[in-house]
């Protein structure tokens, strides 16, 4: 089946322009991120003042990156003929909706993350965007300084999230979850524990019906939560993501990341993924991918 062709040049230009804005402009800030102990990521006082004056500012949320080259060892050829080499990128933002609700040290946010897989070098099939995942969410973030397991509990997040690929049946994929996320830190090391619960949907009476669950077995592959670890050593940033269903048959995923400064705002970025659930269309297909590119903001 041929995938619809998107406005690929415009999307990339807009994306890169936005990342330039988010890195340099005072309208996009990230004061909620744990600070670098060496002070490299301390917020400029002018940006802090602007954030205080206008809470409705866009802030980086999850990692923002562009991988011009990513190699997939075993692409899913079920729906179309795919090249092993493609582009992968993600942008992620959040905006404060309610600061200090009920006089607590917390914030209510709306977040949005979009991840795309672009067969940019597959000219034979018109270089389509083969998959894009859209992930809006609302979450409440509580700032704390409690000690637990020898670490400082820095953040507790409670949220609800929808994720879908915006496609028609039979390629439609989506699910809705509620989650808790505990972010702990000690020095240059941070740990995130994020369990979730899926909201159930009715079973389909017809595989081609729009109503009903498009992917009833997604929890078997995505698991019931994920663990992330982050460590900063000198100028290097290392991170790890793990998921597992803790069942038989066993499915899970691992992602390893390394970043190193290229300039003041951009970092070299190396990403390795192995397992299930890299994208919704491939949630039940094992992927092994290595990508290299640029990181504009990390999750810490």
C-alpha atoms as a PDB file:
ATOM      1  CA  UNK A   1       0.000   0.000   0.000  1.00  0.00           C
ATOM      2  CA  UNK A   2       1.376   3.405  -0.920  1.00  0.00           C
ATOM      3  CA  UNK A   3       1.633   5.850   1.960  1.00  0.00           C
ATOM      4  CA  UNK A   4       0.429   9.392   1.426  1.00  0.00           C
ATOM      5  CA  UNK A   5       3.145  11.871   0.481  1.00  0.00           C
ATOM      6  CA  UNK A   6       3.559  14.754   2.932  1.00  0.00           C
ATOM      7  CA  UNK A   7       4.968  18.252   2.555  1.00  0.00           C
ATOM      8  CA  UNK A   8       8.432  16.952   3.347  1.00  0.00           C
ATOM      9  CA  UNK A   9      10.686  19.922   2.451  1.00  0.00           C
ATOM     10  CA  UNK A  10       8.415  22.404   4.208  1.00  0.00           C
ATOM     11  CA  UNK A  11       8.114  20.241   7.307  1.00  0.00           C
ATOM     12  CA  UNK A  12      11.883  19.920   7.699  1.00  0.00           C
ATOM     13  CA  UNK A  13      12.494  23.639   7.092  1.00  0.00           C
ATOM     14  CA  UNK A  14       9.827  24.587   9.630  1.00  0.00           C
ATOM     15  CA  UNK A  15      11.174  22.045  12.100  1.00  0.00           C
ATOM     16  CA  UNK A  16      14.781  23.271  11.828  1.00  0.00           C
ATOM     17  CA  UNK A  17      13.648  26.883  12.023  1.00  0.00           C
ATOM     18  CA  UNK A  18      11.629  26.155  15.118  1.00  0.00           C
ATOM     19  CA  UNK A  19      14.538  24.388  16.767  1.00  0.00           C
ATOM     20  CA  UNK A  20      16.726  27.399  16.058  1.00  0.00           C
ATOM     21  CA  UNK A  21      14.082  29.580  17.696  1.00  0.00           C
ATOM     22  CA  UNK A  22      13.714  27.274  20.692  1.00  0.00           C
ATOM     23  CA  UNK A  23      17.457  27.240  21.282  1.00  0.00           C
ATOM     24  CA  UNK A  24      18.031  30.966  21.004  1.00  0.00           C
ATOM     25  CA  UNK A  25      14.821  32.868  21.652  1.00  0.00           C
ATOM     26  CA  UNK A  26      13.699  33.926  25.126  1.00  0.00           C
ATOM     27  CA  UNK A  27      10.187  32.728  24.294  1.00  0.00           C
ATOM     28  CA  UNK A  28      11.156  29.072  24.601  1.00  0.00           C
ATOM     29  CA  UNK A  29      12.650  28.166  27.958  1.00  0.00           C
ATOM     30  CA  UNK A  30      13.342  25.087  30.022  1.00  0.00           C
ATOM     31  CA  UNK A  31      13.576  26.292  33.594  1.00  0.00           C
ATOM     32  CA  UNK A  32      11.841  23.159  34.876  1.00  0.00           C
ATOM     33  CA  UNK A  33      14.788  20.944  33.920  1.00  0.00           C
ATOM     34  CA  UNK A  34      17.239  19.876  36.639  1.00  0.00           C
ATOM     35  CA  UNK A  35      20.295  22.099  36.380  1.00  0.00           C
ATOM     36  CA  UNK A  36      23.759  21.060  35.328  1.00  0.00           C
ATOM     37  CA  UNK A  37      25.860  20.933  38.510  1.00  0.00           C
ATOM     38  CA  UNK A  38      28.668  22.691  36.625  1.00  0.00           C
ATOM     39  CA  UNK A  39      26.340  25.547  35.704  1.00  0.00           C
ATOM     40  CA  UNK A  40      26.373  25.115  31.904  1.00  0.00           C
ATOM     41  CA  UNK A  41      22.577  25.041  31.741  1.00  0.00           C
ATOM     42  CA  UNK A  42      21.780  27.771  34.255  1.00  0.00           C
ATOM     43  CA  UNK A  43      18.969  29.961  32.892  1.00  0.00           C
ATOM     44  CA  UNK A  44      19.734  33.493  31.829  1.00  0.00           C
ATOM     45  CA  UNK A  45      18.168  35.946  34.297  1.00  0.00           C
ATOM     46  CA  UNK A  46      16.377  37.743  31.490  1.00  0.00           C
ATOM     47  CA  UNK A  47      14.678  34.510  30.390  1.00  0.00           C
ATOM     48  CA  UNK A  48      13.649  33.758  33.967  1.00  0.00           C
ATOM     49  CA  UNK A  49      12.105  37.213  34.251  1.00  0.00           C
ATOM     50  CA  UNK A  50      10.207  36.757  30.989  1.00  0.00           C
ATOM     51  CA  UNK A  51       8.982  33.352  32.134  1.00  0.00           C
ATOM     52  CA  UNK A  52       7.719  34.907  35.353  1.00  0.00           C
ATOM     53  CA  UNK A  53       5.967  37.686  33.441  1.00  0.00           C
ATOM     54  CA  UNK A  54       4.394  35.373  30.857  1.00  0.00           C
ATOM     55  CA  UNK A  55       3.669  31.798  32.009  1.00  0.00           C
ATOM     56  CA  UNK A  56       2.294  30.832  28.570  1.00  0.00           C
ATOM     57  CA  UNK A  57       5.709  30.256  27.049  1.00  0.00           C
ATOM     58  CA  UNK A  58       6.708  27.227  25.025  1.00  0.00           C
ATOM     59  CA  UNK A  59       9.274  25.025  26.762  1.00  0.00           C
ATOM     60  CA  UNK A  60      11.248  22.039  25.566  1.00  0.00           C
ATOM     61  CA  UNK A  61       9.759  18.816  26.945  1.00  0.00           C
ATOM     62  CA  UNK A  62      11.073  15.464  25.687  1.00  0.00           C
ATOM     63  CA  UNK A  63      14.214  15.264  23.523  1.00  0.00           C
ATOM     64  CA  UNK A  64      14.196  17.336  20.343  1.00  0.00           C
ATOM     65  CA  UNK A  65      16.424  15.841  17.678  1.00  0.00           C
ATOM     66  CA  UNK A  66      17.059  15.224  13.998  1.00  0.00           C
ATOM     67  CA  UNK A  67      18.704  12.034  12.700  1.00  0.00           C
ATOM     68  CA  UNK A  68      19.462  12.594   8.991  1.00  0.00           C
ATOM     69  CA  UNK A  69      20.918   9.082   8.830  1.00  0.00           C
ATOM     70  CA  UNK A  70      19.362   6.132  10.629  1.00  0.00           C
ATOM     71  CA  UNK A  71      19.847   2.520   9.588  1.00  0.00           C
ATOM     72  CA  UNK A  72      17.150  -0.057  10.329  1.00  0.00           C
ATOM     73  CA  UNK A  73      18.502  -3.601  10.180  1.00  0.00           C
ATOM     74  CA  UNK A  74      15.060  -5.192   9.722  1.00  0.00           C
ATOM     75  CA  UNK A  75      12.398  -2.751   8.438  1.00  0.00           C
ATOM     76  CA  UNK A  76       8.768  -3.830   8.492  1.00  0.00           C
ATOM     77  CA  UNK A  77       7.937  -4.573   4.848  1.00  0.00           C
ATOM     78  CA  UNK A  78       4.331  -5.611   5.578  1.00  0.00           C
ATOM     79  CA  UNK A  79       2.686  -2.465   4.204  1.00  0.00           C
ATOM     80  CA  UNK A  80       5.212  -0.995   1.745  1.00  0.00           C
ATOM     81  CA  UNK A  81       8.683  -1.409   0.303  1.00  0.00           C
ATOM     82  CA  UNK A  82      11.054   0.387   2.681  1.00  0.00           C
ATOM     83  CA  UNK A  83      14.678   1.428   2.478  1.00  0.00           C
ATOM     84  CA  UNK A  84      16.848   0.494   5.447  1.00  0.00           C
ATOM     85  CA  UNK A  85      18.172   4.070   5.621  1.00  0.00           C
ATOM     86  CA  UNK A  86      15.756   6.853   6.501  1.00  0.00           C
ATOM     87  CA  UNK A  87      15.462  10.078   8.489  1.00  0.00           C
ATOM     88  CA  UNK A  88      13.982  10.170  11.969  1.00  0.00           C
ATOM     89  CA  UNK A  89      13.157  13.269  13.981  1.00  0.00           C
ATOM     90  CA  UNK A  90      11.180  14.354  17.007  1.00  0.00           C
ATOM     91  CA  UNK A  91      10.009  17.638  18.444  1.00  0.00           C
ATOM     92  CA  UNK A  92       8.411  18.018  21.845  1.00  0.00           C
ATOM     93  CA  UNK A  93       7.024  21.060  23.672  1.00  0.00           C
ATOM     94  CA  UNK A  94       5.048  21.916  26.763  1.00  0.00           C
ATOM     95  CA  UNK A  95       3.188  24.988  27.971  1.00  0.00           C
ATOM     96  CA  UNK A  96       2.114  25.888  31.486  1.00  0.00           C
ATOM     97  CA  UNK A  97      -1.655  26.037  31.960  1.00  0.00           C
ATOM     98  CA  UNK A  98      -1.855  26.593  35.722  1.00  0.00           C
ATOM     99  CA  UNK A  99       1.078  27.642  37.870  1.00  0.00           C
ATOM    100  CA  UNK A 100       1.106  26.832  41.621  1.00  0.00           C
ATOM    101  CA  UNK A 101      -2.447  25.392  41.807  1.00  0.00           C
ATOM    102  CA  UNK A 102      -3.890  25.698  45.323  1.00  0.00           C
ATOM    103  CA  UNK A 103      -0.603  27.304  46.476  1.00  0.00           C
ATOM    104  CA  UNK A 104       1.395  24.123  45.863  1.00  0.00           C
ATOM    105  CA  UNK A 105       4.878  23.933  44.369  1.00  0.00           C
ATOM    106  CA  UNK A 106       3.509  22.444  41.179  1.00  0.00           C
ATOM    107  CA  UNK A 107       2.420  23.232  37.613  1.00  0.00           C
ATOM    108  CA  UNK A 108      -0.270  21.876  35.283  1.00  0.00           C
ATOM    109  CA  UNK A 109       1.049  21.479  31.729  1.00  0.00           C
ATOM    110  CA  UNK A 110      -0.115  20.631  28.262  1.00  0.00           C
ATOM    111  CA  UNK A 111       2.551  18.730  26.340  1.00  0.00           C
ATOM    112  CA  UNK A 112       2.848  17.709  22.713  1.00  0.00           C
ATOM    113  CA  UNK A 113       5.365  15.330  21.125  1.00  0.00           C
ATOM    114  CA  UNK A 114       5.595  14.364  17.460  1.00  0.00           C
ATOM    115  CA  UNK A 115       7.929  11.719  16.059  1.00  0.00           C
ATOM    116  CA  UNK A 116       8.342  11.125  12.325  1.00  0.00           C
ATOM    117  CA  UNK A 117      10.019   8.526  10.135  1.00  0.00           C
ATOM    118  CA  UNK A 118      10.813   9.831   6.649  1.00  0.00           C
ATOM    119  CA  UNK A 119      11.923   7.621   3.757  1.00  0.00           C
ATOM    120  CA  UNK A 120      13.817  10.626   2.414  1.00  0.00           C
ATOM    121  CA  UNK A 121      16.194   8.590   0.255  1.00  0.00           C
ATOM    122  CA  UNK A 122      13.548   6.260  -1.173  1.00  0.00           C
ATOM    123  CA  UNK A 123      13.016   8.216  -4.403  1.00  0.00           C
ATOM    124  CA  UNK A 124      11.606   5.171  -6.193  1.00  0.00           C
ATOM    125  CA  UNK A 125       8.529   5.355  -3.944  1.00  0.00           C
ATOM    126  CA  UNK A 126       8.312   9.167  -3.874  1.00  0.00           C
ATOM    127  CA  UNK A 127      10.182   9.594  -0.543  1.00  0.00           C
ATOM    128  CA  UNK A 128       7.119   9.320   1.723  1.00  0.00           C
ATOM    129  CA  UNK A 129       6.723  10.076   5.379  1.00  0.00           C
ATOM    130  CA  UNK A 130       5.976   6.448   6.244  1.00  0.00           C
ATOM    131  CA  UNK A 131       4.907   7.050   9.863  1.00  0.00           C
ATOM    132  CA  UNK A 132       4.224   9.964  12.199  1.00  0.00           C
ATOM    133  CA  UNK A 133       3.105   9.538  15.811  1.00  0.00           C
ATOM    134  CA  UNK A 134       1.191  12.323  17.573  1.00  0.00           C
ATOM    135  CA  UNK A 135       1.207  12.469  21.358  1.00  0.00           C
ATOM    136  CA  UNK A 136      -0.746  15.204  23.187  1.00  0.00           C
ATOM    137  CA  UNK A 137      -0.997  15.025  26.964  1.00  0.00           C
ATOM    138  CA  UNK A 138      -2.014  16.874  30.115  1.00  0.00           C
ATOM    139  CA  UNK A 139       0.050  16.430  33.255  1.00  0.00           C
ATOM    140  CA  UNK A 140       0.540  17.806  36.734  1.00  0.00           C
ATOM    141  CA  UNK A 141       4.140  18.198  37.905  1.00  0.00           C
ATOM    142  CA  UNK A 142       5.025  18.503  41.588  1.00  0.00           C
ATOM    143  CA  UNK A 143       8.496  19.764  42.547  1.00  0.00           C
ATOM    144  CA  UNK A 144       9.932  18.117  45.652  1.00  0.00           C
ATOM    145  CA  UNK A 145      13.225  17.702  47.500  1.00  0.00           C
ATOM    146  CA  UNK A 146      12.460  14.521  49.442  1.00  0.00           C
ATOM    147  CA  UNK A 147      15.162  11.907  49.913  1.00  0.00           C
ATOM    148  CA  UNK A 148      14.549   8.319  48.788  1.00  0.00           C
ATOM    149  CA  UNK A 149      17.016   5.445  48.277  1.00  0.00           C
ATOM    150  CA  UNK A 150      19.908   7.848  48.767  1.00  0.00           C
ATOM    151  CA  UNK A 151      18.658  10.093  45.954  1.00  0.00           C
ATOM    152  CA  UNK A 152      16.611  13.275  45.792  1.00  0.00           C
ATOM    153  CA  UNK A 153      13.064  12.954  44.494  1.00  0.00           C
ATOM    154  CA  UNK A 154      13.008  16.019  42.242  1.00  0.00           C
ATOM    155  CA  UNK A 155       9.731  15.653  40.352  1.00  0.00           C
ATOM    156  CA  UNK A 156       6.502  13.678  40.498  1.00  0.00           C
ATOM    157  CA  UNK A 157       4.309  13.797  37.412  1.00  0.00           C
ATOM    158  CA  UNK A 158       0.737  12.564  37.002  1.00  0.00           C
ATOM    159  CA  UNK A 159      -0.680  12.653  33.501  1.00  0.00           C
ATOM    160  CA  UNK A 160      -3.025  11.365  30.828  1.00  0.00           C
ATOM    161  CA  UNK A 161      -1.764  10.886  27.283  1.00  0.00           C
ATOM    162  CA  UNK A 162      -3.155   9.984  23.879  1.00  0.00           C
ATOM    163  CA  UNK A 163      -0.920   8.583  21.147  1.00  0.00           C
ATOM    164  CA  UNK A 164      -1.958   7.811  17.577  1.00  0.00           C
ATOM    165  CA  UNK A 165      -0.601   7.757  14.046  1.00  0.00           C
ATOM    166  CA  UNK A 166      -3.521   9.612  12.483  1.00  0.00           C
ATOM    167  CA  UNK A 167      -4.177   7.006   9.805  1.00  0.00           C
ATOM    168  CA  UNK A 168      -7.268   5.194   8.569  1.00  0.00           C
ATOM    169  CA  UNK A 169      -7.933   1.490   9.092  1.00  0.00           C
ATOM    170  CA  UNK A 170      -6.305  -0.930   8.628  1.00  0.00           C
ATOM    171  CA  UNK A 171      -3.182   1.149   9.411  1.00  0.00           C
ATOM    172  CA  UNK A 172      -4.720   3.082  12.305  1.00  0.00           C
ATOM    173  CA  UNK A 173      -2.941   2.688  15.657  1.00  0.00           C
ATOM    174  CA  UNK A 174      -3.751   4.454  18.928  1.00  0.00           C
ATOM    175  CA  UNK A 175      -3.978   4.095  22.690  1.00  0.00           C
ATOM    176  CA  UNK A 176      -4.732   6.174  25.772  1.00  0.00           C
ATOM    177  CA  UNK A 177      -2.942   5.960  29.122  1.00  0.00           C
ATOM    178  CA  UNK A 178      -2.647   7.435  32.592  1.00  0.00           C
ATOM    179  CA  UNK A 179       0.815   7.501  34.122  1.00  0.00           C
ATOM    180  CA  UNK A 180       2.909   8.399  37.148  1.00  0.00           C
ATOM    181  CA  UNK A 181       6.501   9.492  36.667  1.00  0.00           C
ATOM    182  CA  UNK A 182       9.034   9.725  39.495  1.00  0.00           C
ATOM    183  CA  UNK A 183      12.235  11.638  38.648  1.00  0.00           C
ATOM    184  CA  UNK A 184      15.138  11.159  41.055  1.00  0.00           C
ATOM    185  CA  UNK A 185      18.597  12.669  40.953  1.00  0.00           C
ATOM    186  CA  UNK A 186      21.971  12.554  42.628  1.00  0.00           C
ATOM    187  CA  UNK A 187      24.769  14.716  41.296  1.00  0.00           C
ATOM    188  CA  UNK A 188      25.028  14.149  37.544  1.00  0.00           C
ATOM    189  CA  UNK A 189      22.870  11.003  37.608  1.00  0.00           C
ATOM    190  CA  UNK A 190      19.084  11.013  37.126  1.00  0.00           C
ATOM    191  CA  UNK A 191      16.534   8.215  37.116  1.00  0.00           C
ATOM    192  CA  UNK A 192      12.947   8.222  35.848  1.00  0.00           C
ATOM    193  CA  UNK A 193      10.434   5.514  36.807  1.00  0.00           C
ATOM    194  CA  UNK A 194       7.229   5.758  34.791  1.00  0.00           C
ATOM    195  CA  UNK A 195       4.492   3.127  35.228  1.00  0.00           C
ATOM    196  CA  UNK A 196       1.271   3.495  33.238  1.00  0.00           C
ATOM    197  CA  UNK A 197      -2.241   2.072  32.907  1.00  0.00           C
ATOM    198  CA  UNK A 198      -4.025   1.796  29.596  1.00  0.00           C
ATOM    199  CA  UNK A 199      -7.657   2.865  29.218  1.00  0.00           C
ATOM    200  CA  UNK A 200      -9.565  -0.079  27.769  1.00  0.00           C
ATOM    201  CA  UNK A 201     -11.464   0.101  24.476  1.00  0.00           C
ATOM    202  CA  UNK A 202     -14.202  -2.028  22.979  1.00  0.00           C
ATOM    203  CA  UNK A 203     -13.167  -4.852  20.671  1.00  0.00           C
ATOM    204  CA  UNK A 204     -13.791  -4.409  16.968  1.00  0.00           C
ATOM    205  CA  UNK A 205     -16.737  -6.254  15.463  1.00  0.00           C
ATOM    206  CA  UNK A 206     -15.120  -5.852  12.032  1.00  0.00           C
ATOM    207  CA  UNK A 207     -11.354  -5.437  11.400  1.00  0.00           C
ATOM    208  CA  UNK A 208     -12.119  -2.612   8.969  1.00  0.00           C
ATOM    209  CA  UNK A 209     -14.528  -0.789  11.306  1.00  0.00           C
ATOM    210  CA  UNK A 210     -13.438   2.649  12.532  1.00  0.00           C
ATOM    211  CA  UNK A 211     -14.851   1.999  15.996  1.00  0.00           C
ATOM    212  CA  UNK A 212     -13.063  -0.267  18.445  1.00  0.00           C
ATOM    213  CA  UNK A 213      -9.532  -1.110  19.509  1.00  0.00           C
ATOM    214  CA  UNK A 214      -6.981  -0.940  16.676  1.00  0.00           C
ATOM    215  CA  UNK A 215      -4.283  -2.682  18.711  1.00  0.00           C
ATOM    216  CA  UNK A 216      -5.687  -4.760  21.601  1.00  0.00           C
ATOM    217  CA  UNK A 217      -2.334  -6.449  22.297  1.00  0.00           C
ATOM    218  CA  UNK A 218      -0.199  -3.297  22.460  1.00  0.00           C
ATOM    219  CA  UNK A 219       0.548  -3.694  26.195  1.00  0.00           C
ATOM    220  CA  UNK A 220       2.156  -7.063  25.484  1.00  0.00           C
ATOM    221  CA  UNK A 221       4.801  -5.269  23.413  1.00  0.00           C
ATOM    222  CA  UNK A 222       5.002  -1.853  25.096  1.00  0.00           C
ATOM    223  CA  UNK A 223       4.888  -3.159  28.652  1.00  0.00           C
ATOM    224  CA  UNK A 224       3.355  -1.347  31.613  1.00  0.00           C
ATOM    225  CA  UNK A 225       5.975   1.306  32.081  1.00  0.00           C
ATOM    226  CA  UNK A 226       9.503   2.399  31.312  1.00  0.00           C
ATOM    227  CA  UNK A 227      12.717   3.231  33.112  1.00  0.00           C
ATOM    228  CA  UNK A 228      15.093   5.968  31.986  1.00  0.00           C
ATOM    229  CA  UNK A 229      18.550   6.807  33.285  1.00  0.00           C
ATOM    230  CA  UNK A 230      20.670   9.846  32.466  1.00  0.00           C
ATOM    231  CA  UNK A 231      24.305  10.572  33.309  1.00  0.00           C
ATOM    232  CA  UNK A 232      26.418  13.594  32.487  1.00  0.00           C
ATOM    233  CA  UNK A 233      30.195  13.106  32.433  1.00  0.00           C
ATOM    234  CA  UNK A 234      32.171  16.222  31.590  1.00  0.00           C
ATOM    235  CA  UNK A 235      30.687  17.284  28.245  1.00  0.00           C
ATOM    236  CA  UNK A 236      29.183  13.865  27.446  1.00  0.00           C
ATOM    237  CA  UNK A 237      25.550  12.983  28.042  1.00  0.00           C
ATOM    238  CA  UNK A 238      24.552   9.318  28.250  1.00  0.00           C
ATOM    239  CA  UNK A 239      21.008   7.996  28.590  1.00  0.00           C
ATOM    240  CA  UNK A 240      19.264   4.641  28.716  1.00  0.00           C
ATOM    241  CA  UNK A 241      15.615   3.637  28.233  1.00  0.00           C
ATOM    242  CA  UNK A 242      14.237   0.203  29.164  1.00  0.00           C
ATOM    243  CA  UNK A 243      10.791  -1.341  28.715  1.00  0.00           C
ATOM    244  CA  UNK A 244       9.630  -4.906  29.381  1.00  0.00           C
ATOM    245  CA  UNK A 245       6.316  -6.715  29.678  1.00  0.00           C
ATOM    246  CA  UNK A 246       7.644  -9.116  32.379  1.00  0.00           C
ATOM    247  CA  UNK A 247       5.627 -11.925  30.825  1.00  0.00           C
ATOM    248  CA  UNK A 248       5.991 -14.908  28.534  1.00  0.00           C
ATOM    249  CA  UNK A 249       6.497 -14.512  25.633  1.00  0.00           C
ATOM    250  CA  UNK A 250       8.831 -11.701  26.637  1.00  0.00           C
ATOM    251  CA  UNK A 251       8.848  -8.422  24.727  1.00  0.00           C
ATOM    252  CA  UNK A 252      10.604  -5.184  25.492  1.00  0.00           C
ATOM    253  CA  UNK A 253      12.903  -2.480  24.205  1.00  0.00           C
ATOM    254  CA  UNK A 254      16.186  -0.766  24.969  1.00  0.00           C
ATOM    255  CA  UNK A 255      17.428   2.592  23.730  1.00  0.00           C
ATOM    256  CA  UNK A 256      20.954   3.958  24.260  1.00  0.00           C
ATOM    257  CA  UNK A 257      21.856   7.594  23.582  1.00  0.00           C
ATOM    258  CA  UNK A 258      25.042   9.642  23.545  1.00  0.00           C
ATOM    259  CA  UNK A 259      25.346  13.384  22.993  1.00  0.00           C
ATOM    260  CA  UNK A 260      28.326  15.745  22.815  1.00  0.00           C
ATOM    261  CA  UNK A 261      28.357  19.513  22.213  1.00  0.00           C
ATOM    262  CA  UNK A 262      28.722  20.661  18.625  1.00  0.00           C
ATOM    263  CA  UNK A 263      28.215  24.316  19.560  1.00  0.00           C
ATOM    264  CA  UNK A 264      26.556  26.367  22.245  1.00  0.00           C
ATOM    265  CA  UNK A 265      23.060  25.055  21.536  1.00  0.00           C
ATOM    266  CA  UNK A 266      23.379  21.896  19.396  1.00  0.00           C
ATOM    267  CA  UNK A 267      24.926  18.520  20.219  1.00  0.00           C
ATOM    268  CA  UNK A 268      26.112  15.583  18.174  1.00  0.00           C
ATOM    269  CA  UNK A 269      23.652  12.757  18.803  1.00  0.00           C
ATOM    270  CA  UNK A 270      23.985   8.986  18.487  1.00  0.00           C
ATOM    271  CA  UNK A 271      20.897   6.795  19.107  1.00  0.00           C
ATOM    272  CA  UNK A 272      20.560   3.014  19.201  1.00  0.00           C
ATOM    273  CA  UNK A 273      17.179   1.272  19.544  1.00  0.00           C
ATOM    274  CA  UNK A 274      16.435  -2.441  19.757  1.00  0.00           C
ATOM    275  CA  UNK A 275      13.067  -4.004  20.483  1.00  0.00           C
ATOM    276  CA  UNK A 276       9.376  -3.310  20.081  1.00  0.00           C
ATOM    277  CA  UNK A 277       7.300  -0.135  20.068  1.00  0.00           C
ATOM    278  CA  UNK A 278       9.664   2.335  18.418  1.00  0.00           C
ATOM    279  CA  UNK A 279       6.640   3.548  16.435  1.00  0.00           C
ATOM    280  CA  UNK A 280       2.961   2.664  16.569  1.00  0.00           C
ATOM    281  CA  UNK A 281       2.840   1.071  13.119  1.00  0.00           C
ATOM    282  CA  UNK A 282       5.730  -1.193  14.186  1.00  0.00           C
ATOM    283  CA  UNK A 283       4.680  -1.750  17.818  1.00  0.00           C
ATOM    284  CA  UNK A 284       4.650  -5.537  17.298  1.00  0.00           C
ATOM    285  CA  UNK A 285       7.646  -5.707  14.944  1.00  0.00           C
ATOM    286  CA  UNK A 286      11.170  -5.961  16.330  1.00  0.00           C
ATOM    287  CA  UNK A 287      13.344  -3.041  15.232  1.00  0.00           C
ATOM    288  CA  UNK A 288      17.124  -2.684  15.433  1.00  0.00           C
ATOM    289  CA  UNK A 289      18.180   0.852  14.482  1.00  0.00           C
ATOM    290  CA  UNK A 290      21.294   3.019  14.712  1.00  0.00           C
ATOM    291  CA  UNK A 291      21.035   6.723  13.955  1.00  0.00           C
ATOM    292  CA  UNK A 292      23.341   9.730  13.974  1.00  0.00           C
ATOM    293  CA  UNK A 293      22.450  13.393  13.896  1.00  0.00           C
ATOM    294  CA  UNK A 294      21.801  16.418  16.077  1.00  0.00           C
ATOM    295  CA  UNK A 295      20.240  16.906  19.513  1.00  0.00           C
ATOM    296  CA  UNK A 296      18.636  20.279  20.278  1.00  0.00           C
ATOM    297  CA  UNK A 297      17.385  19.549  23.801  1.00  0.00           C
ATOM    298  CA  UNK A 298      17.576  16.501  26.051  1.00  0.00           C
ATOM    299  CA  UNK A 299      15.001  15.164  28.502  1.00  0.00           C
ATOM    300  CA  UNK A 300      17.116  16.632  31.319  1.00  0.00           C
END
